[in-house]
Amino acid sequence: MKMKTFLKCASVCAFASFLVACGNASSSDKVEIEYFSQKPEMQATLQEMIEDFEKENPTI
């Protein structure tokens, strides 16, 4: 009996968490992405990719 109650409670909590995670909070703030690379020889290529990405996505 206790197991059924526990499973029901866990199911309700999981469903509530799912609903909270699906919220649609719009934000006008800029988003910042940090990238880490251990290969210095990739720096020029990565910088070019970043510049292209920033042109296409000005709010990120």
N, C-alpha and C. Protein backbone atom coordinates (compact mmCIF):
# COMPACT_ATOMS: atom_id res chain seq x y z
N MET A 1 0.82 -1.19 0.00
CA MET A 1 0.00 0.00 0.00
C MET A 1 0.87 1.25 0.00
N LYS A 2 1.93 1.26 0.81
CA LYS A 2 2.79 2.42 0.88
C LYS A 2 3.50 2.66 -0.46
N MET A 3 3.79 1.58 -1.16
CA MET A 3 4.48 1.69 -2.44
C MET A 3 3.59 2.40 -3.47
N LYS A 4 2.29 2.08 -3.49
CA LYS A 4 1.37 2.73 -4.41
C LYS A 4 1.27 4.23 -4.12
N THR A 5 1.20 4.57 -2.84
CA THR A 5 1.13 5.97 -2.45
C THR A 5 2.40 6.70 -2.86
N PHE A 6 3.53 6.07 -2.64
CA PHE A 6 4.81 6.67 -3.02
C PHE A 6 4.87 6.88 -4.53
N LEU A 7 4.45 5.89 -5.31
CA LEU A 7 4.48 6.01 -6.77
C LEU A 7 3.54 7.11 -7.26
N LYS A 8 2.38 7.23 -6.64
CA LYS A 8 1.46 8.30 -7.01
C LYS A 8 2.07 9.66 -6.72
N CYS A 9 2.65 9.80 -5.56
CA CYS A 9 3.28 11.07 -5.18
C CYS A 9 4.45 11.40 -6.11
N ALA A 10 5.26 10.40 -6.42
CA ALA A 10 6.39 10.61 -7.32
C ALA A 10 5.91 11.00 -8.71
N SER A 11 4.83 10.39 -9.16
CA SER A 11 4.27 10.72 -10.48
C SER A 11 3.76 12.16 -10.52
N VAL A 12 3.07 12.56 -9.47
CA VAL A 12 2.55 13.93 -9.40
C VAL A 12 3.71 14.93 -9.38
N CYS A 13 4.74 14.64 -8.60
CA CYS A 13 5.90 15.54 -8.53
C CYS A 13 6.62 15.62 -9.88
N ALA A 14 6.77 14.50 -10.54
CA ALA A 14 7.43 14.49 -11.85
C ALA A 14 6.62 15.28 -12.86
N PHE A 15 5.31 15.12 -12.86
CA PHE A 15 4.45 15.86 -13.78
C PHE A 15 4.50 17.36 -13.49
N ALA A 16 4.50 17.73 -12.22
CA ALA A 16 4.58 19.14 -11.84
C ALA A 16 5.91 19.74 -12.29
N SER A 17 6.98 18.99 -12.12
CA SER A 17 8.30 19.46 -12.57
C SER A 17 8.31 19.65 -14.07
N PHE A 18 7.68 18.74 -14.79
CA PHE A 18 7.61 18.85 -16.25
C PHE A 18 6.86 20.12 -16.65
N LEU A 19 5.76 20.42 -15.99
CA LEU A 19 4.99 21.62 -16.32
C LEU A 19 5.78 22.89 -16.03
N VAL A 20 6.51 22.91 -14.94
CA VAL A 20 7.32 24.08 -14.59
C VAL A 20 8.43 24.27 -15.61
N ALA A 21 9.05 23.19 -16.04
CA ALA A 21 10.15 23.27 -17.00
C ALA A 21 9.67 23.74 -18.37
N CYS A 22 8.41 23.56 -18.67
CA CYS A 22 7.87 23.95 -19.97
C CYS A 22 7.34 25.38 -19.97
N GLY A 23 7.65 26.13 -18.96
CA GLY A 23 7.18 27.51 -18.88
C GLY A 23 7.72 28.35 -20.03
N ASN A 24 7.00 29.41 -20.38
CA ASN A 24 7.40 30.27 -21.48
C ASN A 24 7.74 31.64 -20.94
N ALA A 25 8.85 31.74 -20.27
CA ALA A 25 9.29 33.02 -19.73
C ALA A 25 10.11 33.73 -20.79
N SER A 26 9.56 34.79 -21.35
CA SER A 26 10.31 35.52 -22.37
C SER A 26 11.25 36.50 -21.67
N SER A 27 12.39 36.67 -22.27
CA SER A 27 13.40 37.54 -21.69
C SER A 27 13.96 38.42 -22.79
N SER A 28 14.09 39.70 -22.49
CA SER A 28 14.66 40.62 -23.48
C SER A 28 16.15 40.80 -23.25
N ASP A 29 16.69 40.16 -22.23
CA ASP A 29 18.12 40.27 -21.95
C ASP A 29 18.92 39.47 -22.96
N LYS A 30 20.17 39.90 -23.14
CA LYS A 30 21.05 39.16 -24.02
C LYS A 30 21.48 37.87 -23.34
N VAL A 31 21.70 36.85 -24.13
CA VAL A 31 22.16 35.56 -23.64
C VAL A 31 23.64 35.46 -23.96
N GLU A 32 24.40 34.95 -23.02
CA GLU A 32 25.84 34.82 -23.21
C GLU A 32 26.22 33.34 -23.22
N ILE A 33 26.98 32.95 -24.23
CA ILE A 33 27.47 31.58 -24.34
C ILE A 33 28.97 31.62 -24.16
N GLU A 34 29.49 30.79 -23.27
CA GLU A 34 30.93 30.69 -23.08
C GLU A 34 31.42 29.39 -23.70
N TYR A 35 32.55 29.47 -24.37
CA TYR A 35 33.10 28.31 -25.05
C TYR A 35 34.55 28.14 -24.61
N PHE A 36 34.95 26.92 -24.36
CA PHE A 36 36.31 26.62 -23.92
C PHE A 36 36.94 25.63 -24.89
N SER A 37 38.16 25.91 -25.29
CA SER A 37 38.89 25.01 -26.18
C SER A 37 40.33 24.93 -25.71
N GLN A 38 40.90 23.74 -25.72
CA GLN A 38 42.28 23.56 -25.31
C GLN A 38 43.25 23.58 -26.49
N LYS A 39 42.74 23.83 -27.68
CA LYS A 39 43.60 23.81 -28.87
C LYS A 39 43.79 25.24 -29.38
N PRO A 40 44.93 25.85 -29.11
CA PRO A 40 45.16 27.22 -29.57
C PRO A 40 45.15 27.36 -31.09
N GLU A 41 45.48 26.29 -31.80
CA GLU A 41 45.49 26.35 -33.26
C GLU A 41 44.08 26.50 -33.84
N MET A 42 43.06 26.28 -33.04
CA MET A 42 41.67 26.42 -33.49
C MET A 42 41.11 27.82 -33.24
N GLN A 43 41.87 28.69 -32.59
CA GLN A 43 41.38 30.01 -32.18
C GLN A 43 40.86 30.84 -33.36
N ALA A 44 41.62 30.90 -34.45
CA ALA A 44 41.20 31.71 -35.60
C ALA A 44 39.90 31.17 -36.21
N THR A 45 39.81 29.87 -36.35
CA THR A 45 38.60 29.25 -36.91
C THR A 45 37.41 29.47 -36.00
N LEU A 46 37.60 29.29 -34.71
CA LEU A 46 36.51 29.49 -33.75
C LEU A 46 36.05 30.95 -33.74
N GLN A 47 36.98 31.88 -33.81
CA GLN A 47 36.62 33.30 -33.80
C GLN A 47 35.78 33.63 -35.03
N GLU A 48 36.12 33.07 -36.17
CA GLU A 48 35.35 33.30 -37.39
C GLU A 48 33.94 32.72 -37.25
N MET A 49 33.84 31.53 -36.67
CA MET A 49 32.53 30.92 -36.45
C MET A 49 31.70 31.75 -35.48
N ILE A 50 32.33 32.27 -34.45
CA ILE A 50 31.63 33.09 -33.46
C ILE A 50 31.09 34.36 -34.11
N GLU A 51 31.90 35.01 -34.93
CA GLU A 51 31.46 36.23 -35.60
C GLU A 51 30.28 35.96 -36.52
N ASP A 52 30.32 34.86 -37.26
CA ASP A 52 29.20 34.50 -38.13
C ASP A 52 27.94 34.23 -37.31
N PHE A 53 28.10 33.51 -36.20
CA PHE A 53 26.96 33.20 -35.34
C PHE A 53 26.36 34.48 -34.76
N GLU A 54 27.21 35.41 -34.33
CA GLU A 54 26.72 36.65 -33.73
C GLU A 54 25.98 37.51 -34.75
N LYS A 55 26.39 37.46 -36.02
CA LYS A 55 25.67 38.21 -37.06
C LYS A 55 24.26 37.66 -37.25
N GLU A 56 24.13 36.34 -37.20
CA GLU A 56 22.83 35.70 -37.39
C GLU A 56 21.96 35.74 -36.14
N ASN A 57 22.58 35.87 -34.97
CA ASN A 57 21.85 35.83 -33.69
C ASN A 57 22.31 36.99 -32.81
N PRO A 58 21.82 38.20 -33.07
CA PRO A 58 22.32 39.36 -32.33
C PRO A 58 21.97 39.39 -30.84
N THR A 59 20.98 38.64 -30.41
CA THR A 59 20.61 38.69 -28.99
C THR A 59 21.28 37.59 -28.17
N ILE A 60 22.13 36.83 -28.81
CA ILE A 60 22.85 35.78 -28.08
C ILE A 60 24.30 36.16 -28.00
